[in-house]
Amino acid sequence: MPSSKRSQNLNPKIQDRVESALQQMQQIPGFEHVKFVILYGSAEEQRMTAESDIDLCI
């Protein structure tokens, strides 16, 4: 799944966590049919902390 321009502007630590989550989801049968994934919440706003989760709309 290609990155959008907006996600390419993420802090590198946040980008790594988001990419790791996406890689894990890609292992789920049927994920190849997903049309888009939207990042929102503290990760998208670049204010994640160590305790933050990653909010994705699939």
N, C-alpha and C. Protein backbone atom coordinates (compact mmCIF):
# COMPACT_ATOMS: atom_id res chain seq x y z
N MET A 1 0.86 -1.17 0.00
CA MET A 1 0.00 0.00 0.00
C MET A 1 0.90 1.23 0.00
N PRO A 2 0.80 2.08 -1.00
CA PRO A 2 1.67 3.26 -1.07
C PRO A 2 1.35 4.27 0.01
N SER A 3 2.38 5.01 0.42
CA SER A 3 2.20 6.08 1.40
C SER A 3 1.64 7.31 0.71
N SER A 4 0.88 8.08 1.47
CA SER A 4 0.42 9.36 0.94
C SER A 4 1.47 10.41 1.21
N LYS A 5 1.33 11.56 0.57
CA LYS A 5 2.26 12.66 0.82
C LYS A 5 2.23 13.06 2.28
N ARG A 6 1.04 13.07 2.86
CA ARG A 6 0.92 13.51 4.26
C ARG A 6 1.68 12.56 5.19
N SER A 7 1.57 11.24 4.99
CA SER A 7 2.24 10.31 5.89
C SER A 7 3.75 10.37 5.72
N GLN A 8 4.23 10.81 4.57
CA GLN A 8 5.67 10.93 4.37
C GLN A 8 6.23 12.08 5.18
N ASN A 9 5.40 12.96 5.71
CA ASN A 9 5.85 14.09 6.52
C ASN A 9 5.84 13.77 8.01
N LEU A 10 5.55 12.53 8.37
CA LEU A 10 5.51 12.16 9.78
C LEU A 10 6.90 12.12 10.38
N ASN A 11 6.96 12.34 11.68
CA ASN A 11 8.17 12.14 12.45
C ASN A 11 8.65 10.71 12.18
N PRO A 12 9.96 10.48 11.97
CA PRO A 12 10.45 9.14 11.64
C PRO A 12 10.07 8.06 12.65
N LYS A 13 10.04 8.38 13.95
CA LYS A 13 9.64 7.38 14.95
C LYS A 13 8.18 7.00 14.78
N ILE A 14 7.33 7.98 14.53
CA ILE A 14 5.91 7.71 14.31
C ILE A 14 5.75 6.93 13.02
N GLN A 15 6.45 7.32 11.97
CA GLN A 15 6.37 6.63 10.68
C GLN A 15 6.75 5.16 10.86
N ASP A 16 7.79 4.87 11.62
CA ASP A 16 8.20 3.48 11.85
C ASP A 16 7.11 2.68 12.56
N ARG A 17 6.46 3.28 13.55
CA ARG A 17 5.40 2.57 14.28
C ARG A 17 4.20 2.32 13.40
N VAL A 18 3.85 3.30 12.57
CA VAL A 18 2.71 3.14 11.66
C VAL A 18 3.03 2.07 10.62
N GLU A 19 4.22 2.10 10.04
CA GLU A 19 4.59 1.10 9.04
C GLU A 19 4.63 -0.29 9.65
N SER A 20 5.08 -0.42 10.89
CA SER A 20 5.09 -1.71 11.57
C SER A 20 3.66 -2.24 11.74
N ALA A 21 2.75 -1.37 12.14
CA ALA A 21 1.35 -1.78 12.29
C ALA A 21 0.77 -2.23 10.96
N LEU A 22 1.07 -1.50 9.89
CA LEU A 22 0.56 -1.87 8.57
C LEU A 22 1.14 -3.19 8.11
N GLN A 23 2.41 -3.43 8.37
CA GLN A 23 3.03 -4.70 7.98
C GLN A 23 2.35 -5.86 8.70
N GLN A 24 2.03 -5.67 9.96
CA GLN A 24 1.34 -6.72 10.72
C GLN A 24 -0.05 -6.97 10.15
N MET A 25 -0.77 -5.90 9.80
CA MET A 25 -2.12 -6.05 9.24
C MET A 25 -2.09 -6.72 7.88
N GLN A 26 -1.03 -6.52 7.12
CA GLN A 26 -0.94 -7.12 5.79
C GLN A 26 -0.86 -8.64 5.85
N GLN A 27 -0.58 -9.20 7.02
CA GLN A 27 -0.54 -10.64 7.19
C GLN A 27 -1.93 -11.25 7.39
N ILE A 28 -2.93 -10.41 7.60
CA ILE A 28 -4.30 -10.88 7.84
C ILE A 28 -4.93 -11.26 6.51
N PRO A 29 -5.48 -12.49 6.41
CA PRO A 29 -6.13 -12.89 5.16
C PRO A 29 -7.22 -11.89 4.76
N GLY A 30 -7.21 -11.50 3.50
CA GLY A 30 -8.19 -10.57 2.97
C GLY A 30 -7.72 -9.13 2.96
N PHE A 31 -6.58 -8.85 3.61
CA PHE A 31 -6.11 -7.47 3.66
C PHE A 31 -5.82 -6.91 2.27
N GLU A 32 -5.52 -7.79 1.33
CA GLU A 32 -5.22 -7.31 -0.03
C GLU A 32 -6.42 -6.62 -0.68
N HIS A 33 -7.59 -6.79 -0.11
CA HIS A 33 -8.80 -6.14 -0.64
C HIS A 33 -9.06 -4.77 -0.03
N VAL A 34 -8.26 -4.38 0.95
CA VAL A 34 -8.43 -3.06 1.58
C VAL A 34 -8.10 -1.98 0.57
N LYS A 35 -8.96 -1.00 0.46
CA LYS A 35 -8.79 0.09 -0.51
C LYS A 35 -7.97 1.24 0.05
N PHE A 36 -8.12 1.53 1.34
CA PHE A 36 -7.36 2.63 1.94
C PHE A 36 -7.33 2.45 3.44
N VAL A 37 -6.35 3.09 4.04
CA VAL A 37 -6.20 3.13 5.50
C VAL A 37 -5.98 4.59 5.87
N ILE A 38 -6.76 5.07 6.83
CA ILE A 38 -6.66 6.47 7.25
C ILE A 38 -6.04 6.51 8.65
N LEU A 39 -4.96 7.25 8.78
CA LEU A 39 -4.32 7.48 10.06
C LEU A 39 -4.94 8.72 10.68
N TYR A 40 -5.33 8.62 11.96
CA TYR A 40 -5.90 9.78 12.65
C TYR A 40 -5.47 9.76 14.11
N GLY A 41 -5.87 10.73 14.86
CA GLY A 41 -5.55 10.78 16.28
C GLY A 41 -4.16 11.35 16.54
N SER A 42 -3.58 10.97 17.67
CA SER A 42 -2.32 11.57 18.09
C SER A 42 -1.17 11.27 17.13
N ALA A 43 -1.16 10.13 16.47
CA ALA A 43 -0.09 9.83 15.50
C ALA A 43 -0.17 10.78 14.32
N GLU A 44 -1.35 10.98 13.79
CA GLU A 44 -1.52 11.88 12.64
C GLU A 44 -1.19 13.31 13.03
N GLU A 45 -1.49 13.66 14.27
CA GLU A 45 -1.23 15.02 14.74
C GLU A 45 0.20 15.18 15.26
N GLN A 46 0.98 14.10 15.18
CA GLN A 46 2.38 14.06 15.61
C GLN A 46 2.56 14.46 17.06
N ARG A 47 1.69 13.94 17.92
CA ARG A 47 1.82 14.19 19.35
C ARG A 47 1.71 12.88 20.14
N MET A 48 2.20 11.78 19.52
CA MET A 48 2.21 10.48 20.19
C MET A 48 3.17 10.48 21.36
N THR A 49 2.82 9.68 22.38
CA THR A 49 3.72 9.41 23.49
C THR A 49 4.00 7.92 23.49
N ALA A 50 4.84 7.46 24.40
CA ALA A 50 5.16 6.03 24.48
C ALA A 50 3.92 5.20 24.78
N GLU A 51 2.93 5.78 25.43
CA GLU A 51 1.71 5.05 25.79
C GLU A 51 0.63 5.13 24.71
N SER A 52 0.85 5.90 23.66
CA SER A 52 -0.18 6.10 22.63
C SER A 52 -0.39 4.85 21.79
N ASP A 53 -1.62 4.69 21.35
CA ASP A 53 -1.91 3.66 20.37
C ASP A 53 -1.91 4.31 18.99
N ILE A 54 -2.12 3.50 17.97
CA ILE A 54 -2.18 4.02 16.60
C ILE A 54 -3.61 3.88 16.13
N ASP A 55 -4.23 5.00 15.79
CA ASP A 55 -5.63 5.01 15.34
C ASP A 55 -5.66 4.92 13.82
N LEU A 56 -6.28 3.84 13.33
CA LEU A 56 -6.41 3.64 11.89
C LEU A 56 -7.85 3.33 11.55
N CYS A 57 -8.32 3.91 10.47
CA CYS A 57 -9.64 3.60 9.93
C CYS A 57 -9.39 2.79 8.67
N ILE A 58 -9.94 1.59 8.63
CA ILE A 58 -9.69 0.69 7.49
C ILE A 58 -10.98 0.51 6.72
